[in-house]
């Protein structure tokens, strides 16, 4: 879906934005787990192999049925799927598996194994960056939820803007997918007990919840981590007309969220997973 994201909220703010209604009806915040050396750090410019905030069902963990444990948890995970068959240091895994497409998801064994084993998660971000190339020039754009979309069950005194919630899968690390626009979609994607992997594919649909604007090329360097990465810049009307940026970005977003219907031959065998 993207090659760079932004998430500047603190761990506490993320938990608040991810507040949800439990099965018993109570509004609750997900708990953070495994916060240590590989912890989440806010950033205006997150690249592949960085640690991002991930929302998961507690049933993905050995003690997930314990009543004292939240139904959902937050976990910092490295961006980029590393299959369980890879041995050795995950950082040395050379294949680029940071994104998977909904229309080819069931055609790639590494993604399918994770999907069939119920290793579904939600990748969180405030927005992401994409580059439009025209006449040998790359213009970066920042893409976010449309103004006015707020967190579903925020427990903060103020109304928090909803985070982007990408459908993701994980093995040793994560890879993101399409955007889950509603709380119902998030709940179903995380419900690995009742929603099968085939049923979960029906959640990967086209959305019309995004807006975008041009930003400075300062974001091109992943080492740059300042507010300038996300600031809107002006581009001349001639340049905008020449690039047709609005139509291009709209077409790209539609292409990236095309739904694919699974078929019987998509089923493959799976083995036990390993997680961060």
C-alpha atoms as a PDB file:
ATOM      1  CA  UNK A   1       0.000   0.000   0.000  1.00  0.00           C
ATOM      2  CA  UNK A   2       2.772   2.458   0.867  1.00  0.00           C
ATOM      3  CA  UNK A   3       6.491   2.853   1.388  1.00  0.00           C
ATOM      4  CA  UNK A   4       6.554   5.353   4.233  1.00  0.00           C
ATOM      5  CA  UNK A   5       4.185   6.196   7.095  1.00  0.00           C
ATOM      6  CA  UNK A   6       3.789   8.814   9.808  1.00  0.00           C
ATOM      7  CA  UNK A   7       2.648   8.265  13.396  1.00  0.00           C
ATOM      8  CA  UNK A   8       3.536  11.044  15.812  1.00  0.00           C
ATOM      9  CA  UNK A   9       1.169  10.144  18.645  1.00  0.00           C
ATOM     10  CA  UNK A  10       2.505   8.856  21.958  1.00  0.00           C
ATOM     11  CA  UNK A  11       1.860   5.292  23.095  1.00  0.00           C
ATOM     12  CA  UNK A  12      -0.852   6.567  25.440  1.00  0.00           C
ATOM     13  CA  UNK A  13      -2.562   8.587  22.706  1.00  0.00           C
ATOM     14  CA  UNK A  14      -2.552   5.572  20.410  1.00  0.00           C
ATOM     15  CA  UNK A  15      -4.206   3.439  23.093  1.00  0.00           C
ATOM     16  CA  UNK A  16      -6.885   6.106  23.502  1.00  0.00           C
ATOM     17  CA  UNK A  17      -7.542   6.308  19.752  1.00  0.00           C
ATOM     18  CA  UNK A  18      -7.904   2.515  19.705  1.00  0.00           C
ATOM     19  CA  UNK A  19     -10.481   2.383  22.496  1.00  0.00           C
ATOM     20  CA  UNK A  20     -13.199  -0.114  21.650  1.00  0.00           C
ATOM     21  CA  UNK A  21     -16.425  -1.612  22.942  1.00  0.00           C
ATOM     22  CA  UNK A  22     -15.897  -5.018  24.526  1.00  0.00           C
ATOM     23  CA  UNK A  23     -18.325  -7.886  24.048  1.00  0.00           C
ATOM     24  CA  UNK A  24     -19.783  -7.061  27.471  1.00  0.00           C
ATOM     25  CA  UNK A  25     -20.486  -3.499  26.293  1.00  0.00           C
ATOM     26  CA  UNK A  26     -17.764  -1.728  28.293  1.00  0.00           C
ATOM     27  CA  UNK A  27     -15.495   0.799  26.559  1.00  0.00           C
ATOM     28  CA  UNK A  28     -11.905  -0.284  27.059  1.00  0.00           C
ATOM     29  CA  UNK A  29      -8.396   0.647  25.934  1.00  0.00           C
ATOM     30  CA  UNK A  30      -6.065  -1.991  24.488  1.00  0.00           C
ATOM     31  CA  UNK A  31      -3.018  -2.810  26.597  1.00  0.00           C
ATOM     32  CA  UNK A  32       0.552  -2.444  25.354  1.00  0.00           C
ATOM     33  CA  UNK A  33       2.727  -5.569  25.439  1.00  0.00           C
ATOM     34  CA  UNK A  34       6.422  -6.284  24.889  1.00  0.00           C
ATOM     35  CA  UNK A  35       7.472  -2.650  25.227  1.00  0.00           C
ATOM     36  CA  UNK A  36      11.242  -2.841  25.518  1.00  0.00           C
ATOM     37  CA  UNK A  37      14.275  -2.509  23.280  1.00  0.00           C
ATOM     38  CA  UNK A  38      12.100  -2.924  20.190  1.00  0.00           C
ATOM     39  CA  UNK A  39       9.549  -0.392  21.319  1.00  0.00           C
ATOM     40  CA  UNK A  40       7.422   1.996  19.321  1.00  0.00           C
ATOM     41  CA  UNK A  41       8.792   5.513  18.820  1.00  0.00           C
ATOM     42  CA  UNK A  42       6.689   8.336  17.354  1.00  0.00           C
ATOM     43  CA  UNK A  43       7.931   9.534  13.971  1.00  0.00           C
ATOM     44  CA  UNK A  44       6.993  11.844  11.107  1.00  0.00           C
ATOM     45  CA  UNK A  45       8.815   9.566   8.689  1.00  0.00           C
ATOM     46  CA  UNK A  46       8.707   5.809   9.311  1.00  0.00           C
ATOM     47  CA  UNK A  47      10.340   3.542   6.778  1.00  0.00           C
ATOM     48  CA  UNK A  48      10.405  -0.245   6.299  1.00  0.00           C
ATOM     49  CA  UNK A  49      12.024  -2.227   9.150  1.00  0.00           C
ATOM     50  CA  UNK A  50      11.079   0.461  11.661  1.00  0.00           C
ATOM     51  CA  UNK A  51       8.782  -0.459  14.554  1.00  0.00           C
ATOM     52  CA  UNK A  52       5.139   0.499  14.156  1.00  0.00           C
ATOM     53  CA  UNK A  53       2.158   0.253  16.531  1.00  0.00           C
ATOM     54  CA  UNK A  54       0.125  -2.882  15.810  1.00  0.00           C
ATOM     55  CA  UNK A  55      -3.340  -3.793  17.111  1.00  0.00           C
ATOM     56  CA  UNK A  56      -4.061  -7.491  17.620  1.00  0.00           C
ATOM     57  CA  UNK A  57      -6.585  -9.780  19.227  1.00  0.00           C
ATOM     58  CA  UNK A  58      -5.326 -11.195  22.535  1.00  0.00           C
ATOM     59  CA  UNK A  59      -6.279 -14.653  21.237  1.00  0.00           C
ATOM     60  CA  UNK A  60      -3.061 -14.543  19.186  1.00  0.00           C
ATOM     61  CA  UNK A  61      -1.179 -15.049  22.453  1.00  0.00           C
ATOM     62  CA  UNK A  62      -1.000 -18.075  24.800  1.00  0.00           C
ATOM     63  CA  UNK A  63      -2.920 -16.403  27.623  1.00  0.00           C
ATOM     64  CA  UNK A  64      -5.389 -14.625  25.381  1.00  0.00           C
ATOM     65  CA  UNK A  65      -8.403 -16.279  26.984  1.00  0.00           C
ATOM     66  CA  UNK A  66      -7.558 -14.957  30.452  1.00  0.00           C
ATOM     67  CA  UNK A  67     -10.396 -12.713  31.613  1.00  0.00           C
ATOM     68  CA  UNK A  68      -7.886 -10.267  33.123  1.00  0.00           C
ATOM     69  CA  UNK A  69      -6.353  -9.627  29.703  1.00  0.00           C
ATOM     70  CA  UNK A  70      -7.832  -7.069  27.327  1.00  0.00           C
ATOM     71  CA  UNK A  71      -9.604  -8.462  24.244  1.00  0.00           C
ATOM     72  CA  UNK A  72      -7.239  -6.334  22.137  1.00  0.00           C
ATOM     73  CA  UNK A  73      -3.589  -5.537  22.678  1.00  0.00           C
ATOM     74  CA  UNK A  74      -1.030  -3.157  21.201  1.00  0.00           C
ATOM     75  CA  UNK A  75       2.385  -4.373  20.188  1.00  0.00           C
ATOM     76  CA  UNK A  76       5.364  -2.712  18.488  1.00  0.00           C
ATOM     77  CA  UNK A  77       6.320  -4.823  15.481  1.00  0.00           C
ATOM     78  CA  UNK A  78       8.870  -4.383  12.716  1.00  0.00           C
ATOM     79  CA  UNK A  79       7.459  -3.364   9.344  1.00  0.00           C
ATOM     80  CA  UNK A  80       8.147  -6.018   6.707  1.00  0.00           C
ATOM     81  CA  UNK A  81       6.950  -9.622   6.668  1.00  0.00           C
ATOM     82  CA  UNK A  82       9.646 -12.192   7.464  1.00  0.00           C
ATOM     83  CA  UNK A  83       8.255 -15.717   6.875  1.00  0.00           C
ATOM     84  CA  UNK A  84       8.627 -18.320   9.629  1.00  0.00           C
ATOM     85  CA  UNK A  85      10.762 -20.491   7.335  1.00  0.00           C
ATOM     86  CA  UNK A  86      13.531 -17.872   7.328  1.00  0.00           C
ATOM     87  CA  UNK A  87      16.352 -18.854   9.673  1.00  0.00           C
ATOM     88  CA  UNK A  88      18.799 -16.442  11.254  1.00  0.00           C
ATOM     89  CA  UNK A  89      18.665 -12.699  11.787  1.00  0.00           C
ATOM     90  CA  UNK A  90      15.358 -11.254  10.451  1.00  0.00           C
ATOM     91  CA  UNK A  91      17.217  -8.051   9.548  1.00  0.00           C
ATOM     92  CA  UNK A  92      19.168 -10.033   6.952  1.00  0.00           C
ATOM     93  CA  UNK A  93      16.029 -11.193   5.131  1.00  0.00           C
ATOM     94  CA  UNK A  94      16.611  -9.690   1.683  1.00  0.00           C
ATOM     95  CA  UNK A  95      13.160  -9.860   0.050  1.00  0.00           C
ATOM     96  CA  UNK A  96      10.959  -6.764   0.027  1.00  0.00           C
ATOM     97  CA  UNK A  97       7.706  -7.845   1.706  1.00  0.00           C
ATOM     98  CA  UNK A  98       6.531  -4.602   3.288  1.00  0.00           C
ATOM     99  CA  UNK A  99       3.196  -4.512   1.456  1.00  0.00           C
ATOM    100  CA  UNK A 100       0.737  -7.020   0.068  1.00  0.00           C
ATOM    101  CA  UNK A 101      -2.054  -6.334  -2.410  1.00  0.00           C
ATOM    102  CA  UNK A 102      -5.607  -7.552  -1.944  1.00  0.00           C
ATOM    103  CA  UNK A 103      -5.803  -8.746  -5.556  1.00  0.00           C
ATOM    104  CA  UNK A 104      -2.670 -10.936  -5.262  1.00  0.00           C
ATOM    105  CA  UNK A 105      -2.742 -11.776  -1.554  1.00  0.00           C
ATOM    106  CA  UNK A 106      -3.870 -15.368  -2.069  1.00  0.00           C
ATOM    107  CA  UNK A 107      -1.328 -15.970  -4.818  1.00  0.00           C
ATOM    108  CA  UNK A 108       1.761 -15.536  -2.633  1.00  0.00           C
ATOM    109  CA  UNK A 109       2.538 -18.459  -0.325  1.00  0.00           C
ATOM    110  CA  UNK A 110       4.280 -16.444   2.387  1.00  0.00           C
ATOM    111  CA  UNK A 111       1.271 -14.145   2.756  1.00  0.00           C
ATOM    112  CA  UNK A 112      -1.222 -16.988   2.454  1.00  0.00           C
ATOM    113  CA  UNK A 113       0.436 -19.060   5.190  1.00  0.00           C
ATOM    114  CA  UNK A 114       0.153 -16.182   7.632  1.00  0.00           C
ATOM    115  CA  UNK A 115      -3.426 -15.444   6.554  1.00  0.00           C
ATOM    116  CA  UNK A 116      -4.576 -19.065   6.878  1.00  0.00           C
ATOM    117  CA  UNK A 117      -3.028 -19.366  10.331  1.00  0.00           C
ATOM    118  CA  UNK A 118      -5.140 -16.439  11.533  1.00  0.00           C
ATOM    119  CA  UNK A 119      -2.189 -14.088  11.893  1.00  0.00           C
ATOM    120  CA  UNK A 120      -4.241 -10.983  11.171  1.00  0.00           C
ATOM    121  CA  UNK A 121      -3.469  -7.625  12.732  1.00  0.00           C
ATOM    122  CA  UNK A 122      -4.184  -3.926  12.242  1.00  0.00           C
ATOM    123  CA  UNK A 123      -1.300  -1.618  11.352  1.00  0.00           C
ATOM    124  CA  UNK A 124      -1.796   1.871  12.797  1.00  0.00           C
ATOM    125  CA  UNK A 125      -0.648   5.208  11.375  1.00  0.00           C
ATOM    126  CA  UNK A 126      -1.771   8.816  11.126  1.00  0.00           C
ATOM    127  CA  UNK A 127      -1.005   8.863   7.423  1.00  0.00           C
ATOM    128  CA  UNK A 128       1.351   7.665   4.731  1.00  0.00           C
ATOM    129  CA  UNK A 129       3.402   9.023   1.846  1.00  0.00           C
ATOM    130  CA  UNK A 130       3.364   8.261  -1.855  1.00  0.00           C
ATOM    131  CA  UNK A 131       5.372   9.698  -4.730  1.00  0.00           C
ATOM    132  CA  UNK A 132       3.997  10.726  -8.122  1.00  0.00           C
ATOM    133  CA  UNK A 133       6.560  10.761 -10.945  1.00  0.00           C
ATOM    134  CA  UNK A 134       6.190  13.191 -13.837  1.00  0.00           C
ATOM    135  CA  UNK A 135       8.876  14.273 -16.304  1.00  0.00           C
ATOM    136  CA  UNK A 136      11.621  12.639 -14.206  1.00  0.00           C
ATOM    137  CA  UNK A 137      10.514  14.463 -11.065  1.00  0.00           C
ATOM    138  CA  UNK A 138       9.052  12.776  -8.017  1.00  0.00           C
ATOM    139  CA  UNK A 139       6.548  14.777  -6.002  1.00  0.00           C
ATOM    140  CA  UNK A 140       5.729  13.341  -2.550  1.00  0.00           C
ATOM    141  CA  UNK A 141       2.174  13.443  -1.199  1.00  0.00           C
ATOM    142  CA  UNK A 142       0.896  12.930   2.325  1.00  0.00           C
ATOM    143  CA  UNK A 143      -2.295  10.844   2.496  1.00  0.00           C
ATOM    144  CA  UNK A 144      -4.581  10.785   5.528  1.00  0.00           C
ATOM    145  CA  UNK A 145      -8.172  10.266   6.595  1.00  0.00           C
ATOM    146  CA  UNK A 146     -10.562  12.988   5.523  1.00  0.00           C
ATOM    147  CA  UNK A 147     -11.103  15.836   7.949  1.00  0.00           C
ATOM    148  CA  UNK A 148     -13.843  15.193  10.498  1.00  0.00           C
ATOM    149  CA  UNK A 149     -13.342  11.439  10.891  1.00  0.00           C
ATOM    150  CA  UNK A 150     -12.835  10.912  14.625  1.00  0.00           C
ATOM    151  CA  UNK A 151     -11.872   7.963  16.797  1.00  0.00           C
ATOM    152  CA  UNK A 152     -14.774   5.556  17.324  1.00  0.00           C
ATOM    153  CA  UNK A 153     -14.662   5.218  21.116  1.00  0.00           C
ATOM    154  CA  UNK A 154     -12.099   7.754  22.368  1.00  0.00           C
ATOM    155  CA  UNK A 155     -12.031   7.974  26.173  1.00  0.00           C
ATOM    156  CA  UNK A 156     -10.102  11.262  26.116  1.00  0.00           C
ATOM    157  CA  UNK A 157     -11.808  14.525  27.091  1.00  0.00           C
ATOM    158  CA  UNK A 158     -11.121  15.852  23.610  1.00  0.00           C
ATOM    159  CA  UNK A 159     -12.225  14.296  20.331  1.00  0.00           C
ATOM    160  CA  UNK A 160      -9.261  12.481  18.789  1.00  0.00           C
ATOM    161  CA  UNK A 161      -8.895  12.058  15.060  1.00  0.00           C
ATOM    162  CA  UNK A 162      -9.130   8.418  14.075  1.00  0.00           C
ATOM    163  CA  UNK A 163      -5.948   6.652  13.105  1.00  0.00           C
ATOM    164  CA  UNK A 164      -5.597   4.950   9.752  1.00  0.00           C
ATOM    165  CA  UNK A 165      -6.224   1.251  10.312  1.00  0.00           C
ATOM    166  CA  UNK A 166      -4.579  -0.981   7.714  1.00  0.00           C
ATOM    167  CA  UNK A 167      -5.508  -4.634   7.458  1.00  0.00           C
ATOM    168  CA  UNK A 168      -2.231  -6.431   8.119  1.00  0.00           C
ATOM    169  CA  UNK A 169      -0.780  -9.905   8.506  1.00  0.00           C
ATOM    170  CA  UNK A 170       2.210 -10.966  10.558  1.00  0.00           C
ATOM    171  CA  UNK A 171       4.646 -13.836  10.962  1.00  0.00           C
ATOM    172  CA  UNK A 172       7.948 -12.742  12.383  1.00  0.00           C
ATOM    173  CA  UNK A 173       7.075  -9.161  11.414  1.00  0.00           C
ATOM    174  CA  UNK A 174       4.213  -7.343   9.712  1.00  0.00           C
ATOM    175  CA  UNK A 175       3.044  -6.360   6.262  1.00  0.00           C
ATOM    176  CA  UNK A 176       0.109  -4.038   5.644  1.00  0.00           C
ATOM    177  CA  UNK A 177      -2.799  -4.328   3.258  1.00  0.00           C
ATOM    178  CA  UNK A 178      -6.006  -2.359   2.616  1.00  0.00           C
ATOM    179  CA  UNK A 179      -7.646   0.228   4.874  1.00  0.00           C
ATOM    180  CA  UNK A 180     -10.316  -0.921   7.323  1.00  0.00           C
ATOM    181  CA  UNK A 181     -12.609   2.088   7.366  1.00  0.00           C
ATOM    182  CA  UNK A 182     -15.048   1.192  10.160  1.00  0.00           C
ATOM    183  CA  UNK A 183     -14.875  -0.189  13.684  1.00  0.00           C
ATOM    184  CA  UNK A 184     -16.984  -3.129  12.514  1.00  0.00           C
ATOM    185  CA  UNK A 185     -14.387  -3.958   9.852  1.00  0.00           C
ATOM    186  CA  UNK A 186     -11.581  -3.740  12.430  1.00  0.00           C
ATOM    187  CA  UNK A 187     -13.492  -6.033  14.796  1.00  0.00           C
ATOM    188  CA  UNK A 188     -14.145  -8.632  12.109  1.00  0.00           C
ATOM    189  CA  UNK A 189     -10.556  -8.545  10.829  1.00  0.00           C
ATOM    190  CA  UNK A 190      -9.282  -9.226  14.358  1.00  0.00           C
ATOM    191  CA  UNK A 191     -11.929 -11.874  15.086  1.00  0.00           C
ATOM    192  CA  UNK A 192      -9.898 -14.911  14.040  1.00  0.00           C
ATOM    193  CA  UNK A 193     -12.201 -17.274  15.970  1.00  0.00           C
ATOM    194  CA  UNK A 194     -15.392 -16.478  14.090  1.00  0.00           C
ATOM    195  CA  UNK A 195     -14.255 -14.919  10.809  1.00  0.00           C
ATOM    196  CA  UNK A 196     -12.397 -17.348   8.537  1.00  0.00           C
ATOM    197  CA  UNK A 197      -9.561 -16.243   6.297  1.00  0.00           C
ATOM    198  CA  UNK A 198     -11.861 -16.460   3.254  1.00  0.00           C
ATOM    199  CA  UNK A 199     -14.511 -14.349   4.972  1.00  0.00           C
ATOM    200  CA  UNK A 200     -11.876 -11.816   6.001  1.00  0.00           C
ATOM    201  CA  UNK A 201     -11.074 -11.102   2.351  1.00  0.00           C
ATOM    202  CA  UNK A 202     -14.550  -9.596   1.954  1.00  0.00           C
ATOM    203  CA  UNK A 203     -13.393  -6.784   4.261  1.00  0.00           C
ATOM    204  CA  UNK A 204     -10.764  -5.639   1.757  1.00  0.00           C
ATOM    205  CA  UNK A 205     -12.910  -3.269  -0.236  1.00  0.00           C
ATOM    206  CA  UNK A 206     -12.566   0.095  -1.929  1.00  0.00           C
ATOM    207  CA  UNK A 207     -12.810   3.075   0.397  1.00  0.00           C
ATOM    208  CA  UNK A 208     -13.502   6.761  -0.099  1.00  0.00           C
ATOM    209  CA  UNK A 209     -12.162   8.045   3.200  1.00  0.00           C
ATOM    210  CA  UNK A 210      -8.819   9.544   2.171  1.00  0.00           C
ATOM    211  CA  UNK A 211      -7.505  12.982   1.273  1.00  0.00           C
ATOM    212  CA  UNK A 212      -4.011  14.058   0.250  1.00  0.00           C
ATOM    213  CA  UNK A 213      -1.783  17.056  -0.348  1.00  0.00           C
ATOM    214  CA  UNK A 214       1.756  17.700  -1.649  1.00  0.00           C
ATOM    215  CA  UNK A 215       4.644  17.882   0.820  1.00  0.00           C
ATOM    216  CA  UNK A 216       8.304  18.807   0.698  1.00  0.00           C
ATOM    217  CA  UNK A 217      10.953  16.481  -0.699  1.00  0.00           C
ATOM    218  CA  UNK A 218      12.526  16.576   2.753  1.00  0.00           C
ATOM    219  CA  UNK A 219      10.523  13.382   3.376  1.00  0.00           C
ATOM    220  CA  UNK A 220      12.526  11.601   0.674  1.00  0.00           C
ATOM    221  CA  UNK A 221      15.322  10.934   3.165  1.00  0.00           C
ATOM    222  CA  UNK A 222      14.044   8.533   5.825  1.00  0.00           C
ATOM    223  CA  UNK A 223      16.550  10.005   8.293  1.00  0.00           C
ATOM    224  CA  UNK A 224      14.626  13.283   8.245  1.00  0.00           C
ATOM    225  CA  UNK A 225      12.168  13.149  11.114  1.00  0.00           C
ATOM    226  CA  UNK A 226      10.640  16.594  11.546  1.00  0.00           C
ATOM    227  CA  UNK A 227       7.238  18.214  11.193  1.00  0.00           C
ATOM    228  CA  UNK A 228       8.358  19.535   7.788  1.00  0.00           C
ATOM    229  CA  UNK A 229       7.785  16.033   6.388  1.00  0.00           C
ATOM    230  CA  UNK A 230       4.020  16.386   6.864  1.00  0.00           C
ATOM    231  CA  UNK A 231       3.580  20.098   6.109  1.00  0.00           C
ATOM    232  CA  UNK A 232       1.465  20.992   3.108  1.00  0.00           C
ATOM    233  CA  UNK A 233       3.261  22.936   0.387  1.00  0.00           C
ATOM    234  CA  UNK A 234       1.983  24.973  -2.540  1.00  0.00           C
ATOM    235  CA  UNK A 235       2.566  23.786  -6.065  1.00  0.00           C
ATOM    236  CA  UNK A 236       1.781  26.004  -9.026  1.00  0.00           C
ATOM    237  CA  UNK A 237      -1.440  25.519 -10.961  1.00  0.00           C
ATOM    238  CA  UNK A 238       0.589  24.770 -14.071  1.00  0.00           C
ATOM    239  CA  UNK A 239       2.486  22.014 -12.281  1.00  0.00           C
ATOM    240  CA  UNK A 240      -0.704  20.558 -10.855  1.00  0.00           C
ATOM    241  CA  UNK A 241      -2.346  20.637 -14.275  1.00  0.00           C
ATOM    242  CA  UNK A 242       0.694  19.114 -15.935  1.00  0.00           C
ATOM    243  CA  UNK A 243       0.967  16.222 -13.508  1.00  0.00           C
ATOM    244  CA  UNK A 244      -2.763  15.648 -13.113  1.00  0.00           C
ATOM    245  CA  UNK A 245      -1.925  14.730  -9.534  1.00  0.00           C
ATOM    246  CA  UNK A 246      -5.485  14.588  -8.254  1.00  0.00           C
ATOM    247  CA  UNK A 247      -6.628  12.096 -10.892  1.00  0.00           C
ATOM    248  CA  UNK A 248      -3.435  10.057 -10.590  1.00  0.00           C
ATOM    249  CA  UNK A 249      -3.668   9.722  -6.805  1.00  0.00           C
ATOM    250  CA  UNK A 250      -7.361   8.874  -6.974  1.00  0.00           C
ATOM    251  CA  UNK A 251      -6.732   6.175  -9.573  1.00  0.00           C
ATOM    252  CA  UNK A 252      -3.840   4.771  -7.561  1.00  0.00           C
ATOM    253  CA  UNK A 253      -5.911   4.556  -4.366  1.00  0.00           C
ATOM    254  CA  UNK A 254      -8.703   2.732  -6.198  1.00  0.00           C
ATOM    255  CA  UNK A 255      -6.227   0.309  -7.736  1.00  0.00           C
ATOM    256  CA  UNK A 256      -4.689  -0.413  -4.342  1.00  0.00           C
ATOM    257  CA  UNK A 257      -8.013  -1.406  -2.796  1.00  0.00           C
ATOM    258  CA  UNK A 258      -9.463  -3.677  -5.474  1.00  0.00           C
ATOM    259  CA  UNK A 259     -11.176  -6.661  -3.891  1.00  0.00           C
ATOM    260  CA  UNK A 260     -10.307 -10.184  -4.975  1.00  0.00           C
ATOM    261  CA  UNK A 261     -12.630 -13.167  -4.608  1.00  0.00           C
ATOM    262  CA  UNK A 262     -10.844 -16.253  -3.214  1.00  0.00           C
ATOM    263  CA  UNK A 263     -11.052 -19.613  -4.962  1.00  0.00           C
ATOM    264  CA  UNK A 264     -10.683 -23.166  -3.747  1.00  0.00           C
ATOM    265  CA  UNK A 265      -7.222 -23.643  -5.250  1.00  0.00           C
ATOM    266  CA  UNK A 266      -5.902 -20.789  -3.063  1.00  0.00           C
ATOM    267  CA  UNK A 267      -5.704 -23.068  -0.018  1.00  0.00           C
ATOM    268  CA  UNK A 268      -2.188 -24.149   0.995  1.00  0.00           C
ATOM    269  CA  UNK A 269      -0.705 -25.941   3.974  1.00  0.00           C
ATOM    270  CA  UNK A 270       0.695 -23.980   6.927  1.00  0.00           C
ATOM    271  CA  UNK A 271       3.111 -24.494   9.776  1.00  0.00           C
ATOM    272  CA  UNK A 272       3.444 -23.118  13.287  1.00  0.00           C
ATOM    273  CA  UNK A 273       4.144 -19.373  13.430  1.00  0.00           C
ATOM    274  CA  UNK A 274       6.787 -17.418  15.277  1.00  0.00           C
ATOM    275  CA  UNK A 275       6.164 -13.876  16.480  1.00  0.00           C
ATOM    276  CA  UNK A 276       8.080 -10.929  17.793  1.00  0.00           C
END
